[in-house]
Amino acid sequence: MLEWLIIAGIVILVAIVVLAFFDMADVVIDLLTSLFQLVVAAATLTIALLAALLNALKRLLNKQHNGIIP
């Protein structure tokens, strides 16, 4: 999985360099803001899923502590 992320990062970096080389600064700025929004959305989703997982684990441990078989 890490290899795919590295490859995607390299491809995005090459695309930004090519766009900058052809003086398409507005496209580069739009691309960077879109990528930043994607990173924020992915981080938010990861945090939400982790919170749901920890909540489910807490409920499971609470049931076991009270003697209730799940």
PDB file of N, CA and C in Angstrom:
ATOM      1  N   MET A   1       0.823  -1.190   0.000  1.00  0.00           N
ATOM      2  CA  MET A   1       0.000   0.000   0.000  1.00  0.00           C
ATOM      3  C   MET A   1       0.870   1.257   0.000  1.00  0.00           C
ATOM      4  N   LEU A   2       1.955   1.202   0.750  1.00  0.00           N
ATOM      5  CA  LEU A   2       2.849   2.355   0.796  1.00  0.00           C
ATOM      6  C   LEU A   2       3.471   2.624  -0.575  1.00  0.00           C
ATOM      7  N   GLU A   3       3.731   1.544  -1.325  1.00  0.00           N
ATOM      8  CA  GLU A   3       4.306   1.721  -2.656  1.00  0.00           C
ATOM      9  C   GLU A   3       3.342   2.482  -3.566  1.00  0.00           C
ATOM     10  N   TRP A   4       2.041   2.170  -3.451  1.00  0.00           N
ATOM     11  CA  TRP A   4       1.047   2.871  -4.266  1.00  0.00           C
ATOM     12  C   TRP A   4       0.980   4.340  -3.906  1.00  0.00           C
ATOM     13  N   LEU A   5       1.079   4.647  -2.613  1.00  0.00           N
ATOM     14  CA  LEU A   5       1.059   6.044  -2.199  1.00  0.00           C
ATOM     15  C   LEU A   5       2.285   6.791  -2.705  1.00  0.00           C
ATOM     16  N   ILE A   6       3.430   6.126  -2.684  1.00  0.00           N
ATOM     17  CA  ILE A   6       4.658   6.751  -3.184  1.00  0.00           C
ATOM     18  C   ILE A   6       4.542   7.006  -4.687  1.00  0.00           C
ATOM     19  N   ILE A   7       4.039   6.013  -5.413  1.00  0.00           N
ATOM     20  CA  ILE A   7       3.871   6.169  -6.863  1.00  0.00           C
ATOM     21  C   ILE A   7       2.887   7.293  -7.171  1.00  0.00           C
ATOM     22  N   ALA A   8       1.773   7.351  -6.440  1.00  0.00           N
ATOM     23  CA  ALA A   8       0.793   8.415  -6.657  1.00  0.00           C
ATOM     24  C   ALA A   8       1.392   9.779  -6.352  1.00  0.00           C
ATOM     25  N   GLY A   9       2.185   9.871  -5.294  1.00  0.00           N
ATOM     26  CA  GLY A   9       2.846  11.131  -4.964  1.00  0.00           C
ATOM     27  C   GLY A   9       3.808  11.574  -6.051  1.00  0.00           C
ATOM     28  N   ILE A  10       4.554  10.636  -6.597  1.00  0.00           N
ATOM     29  CA  ILE A  10       5.506  10.964  -7.668  1.00  0.00           C
ATOM     30  C   ILE A  10       4.754  11.429  -8.915  1.00  0.00           C
ATOM     31  N   VAL A  11       3.658  10.741  -9.257  1.00  0.00           N
ATOM     32  CA  VAL A  11       2.874  11.127 -10.430  1.00  0.00           C
ATOM     33  C   VAL A  11       2.286  12.524 -10.251  1.00  0.00           C
ATOM     34  N   ILE A  12       1.763  12.816  -9.061  1.00  0.00           N
ATOM     35  CA  ILE A  12       1.204  14.140  -8.798  1.00  0.00           C
ATOM     36  C   ILE A  12       2.292  15.204  -8.868  1.00  0.00           C
ATOM     37  N   LEU A  13       3.463  14.915  -8.310  1.00  0.00           N
ATOM     38  CA  LEU A  13       4.574  15.863  -8.354  1.00  0.00           C
ATOM     39  C   LEU A  13       5.019  16.126  -9.793  1.00  0.00           C
ATOM     40  N   VAL A  14       5.100  15.084 -10.607  1.00  0.00           N
ATOM     41  CA  VAL A  14       5.477  15.253 -12.009  1.00  0.00           C
ATOM     42  C   VAL A  14       4.429  16.084 -12.742  1.00  0.00           C
ATOM     43  N   ALA A  15       3.149  15.840 -12.467  1.00  0.00           N
ATOM     44  CA  ALA A  15       2.090  16.614 -13.119  1.00  0.00           C
ATOM     45  C   ALA A  15       2.192  18.090 -12.750  1.00  0.00           C
ATOM     46  N   ILE A  16       2.482  18.378 -11.487  1.00  0.00           N
ATOM     47  CA  ILE A  16       2.616  19.773 -11.050  1.00  0.00           C
ATOM     48  C   ILE A  16       3.819  20.432 -11.716  1.00  0.00           C
ATOM     49  N   VAL A  17       4.925  19.708 -11.811  1.00  0.00           N
ATOM     50  CA  VAL A  17       6.121  20.267 -12.456  1.00  0.00           C
ATOM     51  C   VAL A  17       5.861  20.530 -13.942  1.00  0.00           C
ATOM     52  N   VAL A  18       5.180  19.606 -14.609  1.00  0.00           N
ATOM     53  CA  VAL A  18       4.875  19.797 -16.039  1.00  0.00           C
ATOM     54  C   VAL A  18       3.955  20.995 -16.236  1.00  0.00           C
ATOM     55  N   LEU A  19       2.924  21.107 -15.375  1.00  0.00           N
ATOM     56  CA  LEU A  19       2.016  22.257 -15.496  1.00  0.00           C
ATOM     57  C   LEU A  19       2.740  23.564 -15.200  1.00  0.00           C
ATOM     58  N   ALA A  20       3.632  23.554 -14.233  1.00  0.00           N
ATOM     59  CA  ALA A  20       4.400  24.766 -13.927  1.00  0.00           C
ATOM     60  C   ALA A  20       5.349  25.110 -15.079  1.00  0.00           C
ATOM     61  N   PHE A  21       5.896  24.085 -15.724  1.00  0.00           N
ATOM     62  CA  PHE A  21       6.804  24.305 -16.846  1.00  0.00           C
ATOM     63  C   PHE A  21       6.087  24.986 -18.007  1.00  0.00           C
ATOM     64  N   PHE A  22       4.839  24.636 -18.219  1.00  0.00           N
ATOM     65  CA  PHE A  22       4.069  25.229 -19.308  1.00  0.00           C
ATOM     66  C   PHE A  22       3.324  26.483 -18.876  1.00  0.00           C
ATOM     67  N   ASP A  23       3.699  27.069 -17.751  1.00  0.00           N
ATOM     68  CA  ASP A  23       3.135  28.330 -17.246  1.00  0.00           C
ATOM     69  C   ASP A  23       1.620  28.263 -17.055  1.00  0.00           C
ATOM     70  N   MET A  24       1.159  27.187 -16.485  1.00  0.00           N
ATOM     71  CA  MET A  24      -0.259  27.041 -16.166  1.00  0.00           C
ATOM     72  C   MET A  24      -0.433  27.127 -14.650  1.00  0.00           C
ATOM     73  N   ALA A  25      -0.096  28.269 -14.097  1.00  0.00           N
ATOM     74  CA  ALA A  25      -0.093  28.439 -12.647  1.00  0.00           C
ATOM     75  C   ALA A  25      -1.492  28.304 -12.055  1.00  0.00           C
ATOM     76  N   ASP A  26      -2.509  28.784 -12.772  1.00  0.00           N
ATOM     77  CA  ASP A  26      -3.867  28.674 -12.230  1.00  0.00           C
ATOM     78  C   ASP A  26      -4.308  27.221 -12.090  1.00  0.00           C
ATOM     79  N   VAL A  27      -3.899  26.372 -13.032  1.00  0.00           N
ATOM     80  CA  VAL A  27      -4.227  24.951 -12.948  1.00  0.00           C
ATOM     81  C   VAL A  27      -3.468  24.304 -11.798  1.00  0.00           C
ATOM     82  N   VAL A  28      -2.226  24.709 -11.601  1.00  0.00           N
ATOM     83  CA  VAL A  28      -1.424  24.164 -10.498  1.00  0.00           C
ATOM     84  C   VAL A  28      -2.055  24.533  -9.165  1.00  0.00           C
ATOM     85  N   ILE A  29      -2.504  25.759  -9.026  1.00  0.00           N
ATOM     86  CA  ILE A  29      -3.127  26.195  -7.772  1.00  0.00           C
ATOM     87  C   ILE A  29      -4.435  25.439  -7.537  1.00  0.00           C
ATOM     88  N   ASP A  30      -5.241  25.277  -8.592  1.00  0.00           N
ATOM     89  CA  ASP A  30      -6.484  24.515  -8.459  1.00  0.00           C
ATOM     90  C   ASP A  30      -6.201  23.066  -8.074  1.00  0.00           C
ATOM     91  N   LEU A  31      -5.174  22.487  -8.678  1.00  0.00           N
ATOM     92  CA  LEU A  31      -4.805  21.109  -8.367  1.00  0.00           C
ATOM     93  C   LEU A  31      -4.347  20.966  -6.922  1.00  0.00           C
ATOM     94  N   LEU A  32      -3.545  21.901  -6.466  1.00  0.00           N
ATOM     95  CA  LEU A  32      -3.048  21.825  -5.089  1.00  0.00           C
ATOM     96  C   LEU A  32      -4.172  22.006  -4.072  1.00  0.00           C
ATOM     97  N   THR A  33      -5.097  22.916  -4.342  1.00  0.00           N
ATOM     98  CA  THR A  33      -6.211  23.096  -3.403  1.00  0.00           C
ATOM     99  C   THR A  33      -7.121  21.875  -3.396  1.00  0.00           C
ATOM    100  N   SER A  34      -7.327  21.267  -4.551  1.00  0.00           N
ATOM    101  CA  SER A  34      -8.135  20.047  -4.606  1.00  0.00           C
ATOM    102  C   SER A  34      -7.446  18.906  -3.855  1.00  0.00           C
ATOM    103  N   LEU A  35      -6.149  18.788  -4.013  1.00  0.00           N
ATOM    104  CA  LEU A  35      -5.409  17.749  -3.290  1.00  0.00           C
ATOM    105  C   LEU A  35      -5.449  17.987  -1.786  1.00  0.00           C
ATOM    106  N   PHE A  36      -5.377  19.246  -1.382  1.00  0.00           N
ATOM    107  CA  PHE A  36      -5.451  19.561   0.047  1.00  0.00           C
ATOM    108  C   PHE A  36      -6.832  19.194   0.599  1.00  0.00           C
ATOM    109  N   GLN A  37      -7.883  19.472  -0.169  1.00  0.00           N
ATOM    110  CA  GLN A  37      -9.233  19.097   0.257  1.00  0.00           C
ATOM    111  C   GLN A  37      -9.366  17.582   0.360  1.00  0.00           C
ATOM    112  N   LEU A  38      -8.747  16.859  -0.559  1.00  0.00           N
ATOM    113  CA  LEU A  38      -8.776  15.398  -0.517  1.00  0.00           C
ATOM    114  C   LEU A  38      -8.062  14.865   0.718  1.00  0.00           C
ATOM    115  N   VAL A  39      -6.927  15.465   1.062  1.00  0.00           N
ATOM    116  CA  VAL A  39      -6.184  15.040   2.252  1.00  0.00           C
ATOM    117  C   VAL A  39      -7.000  15.305   3.513  1.00  0.00           C
ATOM    118  N   VAL A  40      -7.639  16.461   3.587  1.00  0.00           N
ATOM    119  CA  VAL A  40      -8.456  16.781   4.757  1.00  0.00           C
ATOM    120  C   VAL A  40      -9.636  15.820   4.863  1.00  0.00           C
ATOM    121  N   ALA A  41     -10.273  15.503   3.740  1.00  0.00           N
ATOM    122  CA  ALA A  41     -11.402  14.569   3.762  1.00  0.00           C
ATOM    123  C   ALA A  41     -10.960  13.171   4.182  1.00  0.00           C
ATOM    124  N   ALA A  42      -9.808  12.727   3.692  1.00  0.00           N
ATOM    125  CA  ALA A  42      -9.304  11.406   4.060  1.00  0.00           C
ATOM    126  C   ALA A  42      -8.950  11.347   5.549  1.00  0.00           C
ATOM    127  N   ALA A  43      -8.346  12.402   6.061  1.00  0.00           N
ATOM    128  CA  ALA A  43      -8.008  12.440   7.483  1.00  0.00           C
ATOM    129  C   ALA A  43      -9.266  12.461   8.346  1.00  0.00           C
ATOM    130  N   THR A  44     -10.261  13.216   7.931  1.00  0.00           N
ATOM    131  CA  THR A  44     -11.528  13.274   8.669  1.00  0.00           C
ATOM    132  C   THR A  44     -12.212  11.919   8.677  1.00  0.00           C
ATOM    133  N   LEU A  45     -12.228  11.249   7.536  1.00  0.00           N
ATOM    134  CA  LEU A  45     -12.832   9.929   7.455  1.00  0.00           C
ATOM    135  C   LEU A  45     -12.090   8.928   8.329  1.00  0.00           C
ATOM    136  N   THR A  46     -10.770   8.987   8.328  1.00  0.00           N
ATOM    137  CA  THR A  46      -9.974   8.087   9.157  1.00  0.00           C
ATOM    138  C   THR A  46     -10.264   8.312  10.637  1.00  0.00           C
ATOM    139  N   ILE A  47     -10.342   9.552  11.044  1.00  0.00           N
ATOM    140  CA  ILE A  47     -10.627   9.858  12.452  1.00  0.00           C
ATOM    141  C   ILE A  47     -12.027   9.391  12.829  1.00  0.00           C
ATOM    142  N   ALA A  48     -13.003   9.600  11.936  1.00  0.00           N
ATOM    143  CA  ALA A  48     -14.372   9.171  12.225  1.00  0.00           C
ATOM    144  C   ALA A  48     -14.468   7.654  12.336  1.00  0.00           C
ATOM    145  N   LEU A  49     -13.797   6.939  11.446  1.00  0.00           N
ATOM    146  CA  LEU A  49     -13.811   5.481  11.513  1.00  0.00           C
ATOM    147  C   LEU A  49     -13.102   4.967  12.759  1.00  0.00           C
ATOM    148  N   LEU A  50     -12.021   5.598  13.140  1.00  0.00           N
ATOM    149  CA  LEU A  50     -11.314   5.203  14.352  1.00  0.00           C
ATOM    150  C   LEU A  50     -12.171   5.454  15.581  1.00  0.00           C
ATOM    151  N   ALA A  51     -12.895   6.572  15.610  1.00  0.00           N
ATOM    152  CA  ALA A  51     -13.784   6.866  16.736  1.00  0.00           C
ATOM    153  C   ALA A  51     -14.905   5.835  16.816  1.00  0.00           C
ATOM    154  N   ALA A  52     -15.469   5.444  15.671  1.00  0.00           N
ATOM    155  CA  ALA A  52     -16.523   4.430  15.674  1.00  0.00           C
ATOM    156  C   ALA A  52     -15.988   3.080  16.147  1.00  0.00           C
ATOM    157  N   LEU A  53     -14.784   2.736  15.719  1.00  0.00           N
ATOM    158  CA  LEU A  53     -14.168   1.485  16.149  1.00  0.00           C
ATOM    159  C   LEU A  53     -13.910   1.480  17.649  1.00  0.00           C
ATOM    160  N   LEU A  54     -13.391   2.570  18.174  1.00  0.00           N
ATOM    161  CA  LEU A  54     -13.128   2.639  19.614  1.00  0.00           C
ATOM    162  C   LEU A  54     -14.430   2.628  20.414  1.00  0.00           C
ATOM    163  N   ASN A  55     -15.475   3.251  19.901  1.00  0.00           N
ATOM    164  CA  ASN A  55     -16.769   3.241  20.572  1.00  0.00           C
ATOM    165  C   ASN A  55     -17.338   1.827  20.617  1.00  0.00           C
ATOM    166  N   ALA A  56     -17.245   1.096  19.511  1.00  0.00           N
ATOM    167  CA  ALA A  56     -17.728  -0.286  19.479  1.00  0.00           C
ATOM    168  C   ALA A  56     -16.909  -1.166  20.428  1.00  0.00           C
ATOM    169  N   LEU A  57     -15.616  -0.958  20.474  1.00  0.00           N
ATOM    170  CA  LEU A  57     -14.763  -1.723  21.386  1.00  0.00           C
ATOM    171  C   LEU A  57     -15.105  -1.419  22.841  1.00  0.00           C
ATOM    172  N   LYS A  58     -15.379  -0.159  23.130  1.00  0.00           N
ATOM    173  CA  LYS A  58     -15.754   0.225  24.493  1.00  0.00           C
ATOM    174  C   LYS A  58     -17.068  -0.437  24.902  1.00  0.00           C
ATOM    175  N   ARG A  59     -18.049  -0.461  23.993  1.00  0.00           N
ATOM    176  CA  ARG A  59     -19.329  -1.103  24.307  1.00  0.00           C
ATOM    177  C   ARG A  59     -19.156  -2.604  24.505  1.00  0.00           C
ATOM    178  N   LEU A  60     -18.310  -3.236  23.687  1.00  0.00           N
ATOM    179  CA  LEU A  60     -18.060  -4.667  23.822  1.00  0.00           C
ATOM    180  C   LEU A  60     -17.396  -4.977  25.157  1.00  0.00           C
ATOM    181  N   LEU A  61     -16.401  -4.199  25.533  1.00  0.00           N
ATOM    182  CA  LEU A  61     -15.728  -4.419  26.813  1.00  0.00           C
ATOM    183  C   LEU A  61     -16.659  -4.149  27.984  1.00  0.00           C
ATOM    184  N   ASN A  62     -17.553  -3.174  27.837  1.00  0.00           N
ATOM    185  CA  ASN A  62     -18.509  -2.880  28.891  1.00  0.00           C
ATOM    186  C   ASN A  62     -19.483  -4.038  29.071  1.00  0.00           C
ATOM    187  N   LYS A  63     -19.929  -4.644  27.954  1.00  0.00           N
ATOM    188  CA  LYS A  63     -20.821  -5.801  28.038  1.00  0.00           C
ATOM    189  C   LYS A  63     -20.116  -6.974  28.708  1.00  0.00           C
ATOM    190  N   GLN A  64     -18.852  -7.198  28.375  1.00  0.00           N
ATOM    191  CA  GLN A  64     -18.109  -8.305  28.974  1.00  0.00           C
ATOM    192  C   GLN A  64     -17.882  -8.064  30.457  1.00  0.00           C
ATOM    193  N   HIS A  65     -17.673  -6.817  30.815  1.00  0.00           N
ATOM    194  CA  HIS A  65     -17.441  -6.488  32.224  1.00  0.00           C
ATOM    195  C   HIS A  65     -18.709  -6.720  33.053  1.00  0.00           C
ATOM    196  N   ASN A  66     -19.878  -6.481  32.433  1.00  0.00           N
ATOM    197  CA  ASN A  66     -21.144  -6.678  33.133  1.00  0.00           C
ATOM    198  C   ASN A  66     -21.628  -8.112  33.070  1.00  0.00           C
ATOM    199  N   GLY A  67     -20.906  -8.979  32.384  1.00  0.00           N
ATOM    200  CA  GLY A  67     -21.282 -10.384  32.317  1.00  0.00           C
ATOM    201  C   GLY A  67     -22.277 -10.708  31.219  1.00  0.00           C
ATOM    202  N   ILE A  68     -22.494  -9.822  30.307  1.00  0.00           N
ATOM    203  CA  ILE A  68     -23.435 -10.055  29.203  1.00  0.00           C
ATOM    204  C   ILE A  68     -22.624 -10.602  28.014  1.00  0.00           C
ATOM    205  N   ILE A  69     -23.026 -11.763  27.525  1.00  0.00           N
ATOM    206  CA  ILE A  69     -22.329 -12.350  26.385  1.00  0.00           C
ATOM    207  C   ILE A  69     -22.825 -11.667  25.115  1.00  0.00           C
ATOM    208  N   PRO A  70     -21.905 -11.175  24.283  1.00  0.00           N
ATOM    209  CA  PRO A  70     -22.330 -10.467  23.068  1.00  0.00           C
ATOM    210  C   PRO A  70     -22.961 -11.401  22.054  1.00  0.00           C
TER     211      PRO A  70
END
